[in-house]
Protein backbone atom coordinates (compact mmCIF):
# COMPACT_ATOMS: atom_id res chain seq x y z
CA UNK A 1 38.35 2.05 256.26
CA UNK A 2 36.43 4.42 254.01
CA UNK A 3 38.58 7.22 252.66
CA UNK A 4 35.91 9.82 253.41
CA UNK A 5 36.46 9.17 257.14
CA UNK A 6 40.18 9.78 256.71
CA UNK A 7 39.51 12.93 254.71
CA UNK A 8 37.06 14.17 257.36
CA UNK A 9 39.67 13.81 260.11
CA UNK A 10 42.34 15.28 257.80
CA UNK A 11 40.20 18.37 257.24
CA UNK A 12 39.32 18.65 260.96
CA UNK A 13 43.04 19.06 261.69
CA UNK A 14 43.22 21.89 259.17
CA UNK A 15 45.31 20.09 256.55
CA UNK A 16 44.86 21.11 252.91
CA UNK A 17 42.45 18.78 251.09
CA UNK A 18 44.55 19.08 247.92
CA UNK A 19 47.41 17.22 249.66
CA UNK A 20 45.20 14.36 250.89
CA UNK A 21 45.16 12.10 247.82
CA UNK A 22 48.93 12.26 247.35
CA UNK A 23 49.55 11.49 251.03
CA UNK A 24 47.21 8.47 251.03
CA UNK A 25 48.69 7.27 247.72
CA UNK A 26 52.21 7.39 249.17
CA UNK A 27 51.48 6.03 252.66
CA UNK A 28 48.32 3.94 252.21
CA UNK A 29 45.07 4.27 254.14
CA UNK A 30 46.25 2.27 257.16
CA UNK A 31 49.38 4.32 257.78
CA UNK A 32 47.44 7.52 257.11
CA UNK A 33 44.91 6.53 259.78
CA UNK A 34 47.72 5.78 262.26
CA UNK A 35 49.40 9.12 261.53
CA UNK A 36 46.12 10.99 262.03
CA UNK A 37 45.51 9.21 265.35
CA UNK A 38 49.03 10.16 266.40
CA UNK A 39 48.08 13.81 265.83
CA UNK A 40 44.98 13.25 268.02
CA UNK A 41 47.19 12.01 270.86
CA UNK A 42 48.95 15.34 270.91
CA UNK A 43 52.55 16.28 271.51
CA UNK A 44 54.84 13.64 272.88
CA UNK A 45 56.89 13.61 275.97
CA UNK A 46 59.57 11.11 275.14
CA UNK A 47 61.14 8.67 277.54
CA UNK A 48 64.61 10.06 276.68
CA UNK A 49 66.51 7.33 278.54
CA UNK A 50 70.08 7.18 277.26
CA UNK A 51 70.95 4.26 275.00
CA UNK A 52 74.27 3.04 273.61
CA UNK A 53 76.32 5.77 271.96
CA UNK A 54 74.73 9.19 271.53
CA UNK A 55 71.18 7.89 271.10
CA UNK A 56 68.20 8.08 273.48
CA UNK A 57 64.75 6.46 273.67
CA UNK A 58 62.18 8.14 271.42
CA UNK A 59 59.11 6.24 272.69
CA UNK A 60 56.45 8.01 274.74
CA UNK A 61 57.13 8.51 278.41
CA UNK A 62 55.77 5.63 280.48
CA UNK A 63 55.94 3.06 277.66
CA UNK A 64 55.97 -0.60 278.72
CA UNK A 65 58.29 -1.88 276.02
CA UNK A 66 62.08 -1.82 275.90
CA UNK A 67 63.63 1.51 274.92
CA UNK A 68 64.23 2.22 271.21
CA UNK A 69 66.21 4.93 269.46
CA UNK A 70 65.23 6.86 266.34
CA UNK A 71 66.98 4.38 264.02
CA UNK A 72 64.90 1.54 265.48
CA UNK A 73 61.43 3.01 265.00
CA UNK A 74 61.55 4.71 261.60
CA UNK A 75 60.95 8.30 260.51
CA UNK A 76 58.89 10.75 262.59
CA UNK A 77 55.25 11.36 261.80
CA UNK A 78 55.36 14.22 259.29
CA UNK A 79 51.68 15.04 259.88
CA UNK A 80 52.29 15.53 263.60
CA UNK A 81 55.17 17.90 262.85
CA UNK A 82 53.09 19.79 260.28
CA UNK A 83 50.06 20.04 262.57
CA UNK A 84 52.01 21.47 265.49
CA UNK A 85 53.95 23.86 263.28
CA UNK A 86 50.60 25.17 261.95
CA UNK A 87 49.21 25.56 265.47
CA UNK A 88 52.29 27.28 266.87
CA UNK A 89 52.76 29.71 263.99
């Protein structure tokens, strides 16, 4: 995937171009692409089914897979959080 395509989408979301190189360096082009597509999908409505203990399912509502908690799927998409905080502020 050419980096200019990633940068174009990055800029379309209103992210600062100065932060782009550092983000791609840390996360790689593939994960950056996935994070940007996650922003395109918009805000999530999570399944929120209760799991063992105090945890609940963090996958999107209507998923076809088994339920997974936050510890099972990794950290949240920081670009999605940043995008929506920019939009809502």
